[in-house]
């Protein structure tokens, strides 16, 4: 999946690690997310990221 996203330009690797979406419709949640300090995500942290992504997706569809 990561390779496919990189090859088609939907995402790129962050210099500090992780994956950063190049397409605003794509959201990376959890340990694969780049752009911040690498800290292993807890279930509560991943759930919070997923909620933010869901809100963004719903707001974009309005």
C-alpha atoms as a PDB file:
ATOM      1  CA  UNK A   1       0.000   0.000   0.000  1.00  0.00           C
ATOM      2  CA  UNK A   2       2.755   2.442   0.951  1.00  0.00           C
ATOM      3  CA  UNK A   3       4.655   1.717  -2.257  1.00  0.00           C
ATOM      4  CA  UNK A   4       1.511   2.241  -4.353  1.00  0.00           C
ATOM      5  CA  UNK A   5       0.812   5.590  -2.661  1.00  0.00           C
ATOM      6  CA  UNK A   6       4.407   6.716  -3.258  1.00  0.00           C
ATOM      7  CA  UNK A   7       4.487   5.554  -6.883  1.00  0.00           C
ATOM      8  CA  UNK A   8       1.272   7.314  -7.878  1.00  0.00           C
ATOM      9  CA  UNK A   9       2.214  10.516  -6.021  1.00  0.00           C
ATOM     10  CA  UNK A  10      -0.616  10.375  -3.474  1.00  0.00           C
ATOM     11  CA  UNK A  11       1.894  10.483  -0.609  1.00  0.00           C
ATOM     12  CA  UNK A  12       5.556  11.129   0.055  1.00  0.00           C
ATOM     13  CA  UNK A  13       8.037  10.126   2.699  1.00  0.00           C
ATOM     14  CA  UNK A  14       8.722  12.661   5.427  1.00  0.00           C
ATOM     15  CA  UNK A  15      12.456  13.325   5.984  1.00  0.00           C
ATOM     16  CA  UNK A  16      12.128  12.394   9.669  1.00  0.00           C
ATOM     17  CA  UNK A  17      10.138   9.241   8.848  1.00  0.00           C
ATOM     18  CA  UNK A  18       6.577   8.341   8.136  1.00  0.00           C
ATOM     19  CA  UNK A  19       4.220   9.043   5.304  1.00  0.00           C
ATOM     20  CA  UNK A  20       2.759  12.440   4.430  1.00  0.00           C
ATOM     21  CA  UNK A  21      -0.270  12.665   2.135  1.00  0.00           C
ATOM     22  CA  UNK A  22       0.208  14.742  -1.025  1.00  0.00           C
ATOM     23  CA  UNK A  23      -3.491  14.406  -1.817  1.00  0.00           C
ATOM     24  CA  UNK A  24      -5.746  16.329   0.614  1.00  0.00           C
ATOM     25  CA  UNK A  25      -8.308  13.506   0.421  1.00  0.00           C
ATOM     26  CA  UNK A  26      -5.811  11.074   1.952  1.00  0.00           C
ATOM     27  CA  UNK A  27      -5.332  10.886   5.714  1.00  0.00           C
ATOM     28  CA  UNK A  28      -2.565   8.922   7.431  1.00  0.00           C
ATOM     29  CA  UNK A  29      -3.414   7.786  10.949  1.00  0.00           C
ATOM     30  CA  UNK A  30      -1.213   6.024  13.477  1.00  0.00           C
ATOM     31  CA  UNK A  31       2.431   5.054  13.397  1.00  0.00           C
ATOM     32  CA  UNK A  32       2.752   5.550   9.617  1.00  0.00           C
ATOM     33  CA  UNK A  33       1.916   9.246   9.908  1.00  0.00           C
ATOM     34  CA  UNK A  34       4.860  11.540   9.263  1.00  0.00           C
ATOM     35  CA  UNK A  35       5.405  15.184  10.002  1.00  0.00           C
ATOM     36  CA  UNK A  36       5.877  15.063  13.758  1.00  0.00           C
ATOM     37  CA  UNK A  37       7.931  13.324  16.397  1.00  0.00           C
ATOM     38  CA  UNK A  38       7.862   9.551  16.207  1.00  0.00           C
ATOM     39  CA  UNK A  39       5.979   8.267  19.207  1.00  0.00           C
ATOM     40  CA  UNK A  40       4.289   4.896  19.147  1.00  0.00           C
ATOM     41  CA  UNK A  41       0.585   5.638  19.083  1.00  0.00           C
ATOM     42  CA  UNK A  42      -1.795   4.386  21.721  1.00  0.00           C
ATOM     43  CA  UNK A  43      -5.242   3.139  20.793  1.00  0.00           C
ATOM     44  CA  UNK A  44      -6.711   6.324  22.266  1.00  0.00           C
ATOM     45  CA  UNK A  45      -4.285   8.438  20.211  1.00  0.00           C
ATOM     46  CA  UNK A  46      -5.145   6.605  16.993  1.00  0.00           C
ATOM     47  CA  UNK A  47      -8.854   6.960  17.750  1.00  0.00           C
ATOM     48  CA  UNK A  48      -8.418  10.720  18.245  1.00  0.00           C
ATOM     49  CA  UNK A  49      -6.541  11.002  14.930  1.00  0.00           C
ATOM     50  CA  UNK A  50      -9.288   9.011  13.204  1.00  0.00           C
ATOM     51  CA  UNK A  51     -11.972  11.304  14.636  1.00  0.00           C
ATOM     52  CA  UNK A  52     -10.123  14.370  13.320  1.00  0.00           C
ATOM     53  CA  UNK A  53      -9.745  12.739   9.891  1.00  0.00           C
ATOM     54  CA  UNK A  54     -13.441  11.807   9.824  1.00  0.00           C
ATOM     55  CA  UNK A  55     -14.479  15.359  10.735  1.00  0.00           C
ATOM     56  CA  UNK A  56     -12.275  16.722   7.951  1.00  0.00           C
ATOM     57  CA  UNK A  57     -13.742  14.296   5.420  1.00  0.00           C
ATOM     58  CA  UNK A  58     -17.328  15.125   6.432  1.00  0.00           C
ATOM     59  CA  UNK A  59     -16.655  18.884   6.370  1.00  0.00           C
ATOM     60  CA  UNK A  60     -15.134  18.609   2.885  1.00  0.00           C
ATOM     61  CA  UNK A  61     -18.210  16.823   1.569  1.00  0.00           C
ATOM     62  CA  UNK A  62     -20.625  19.576   2.697  1.00  0.00           C
END
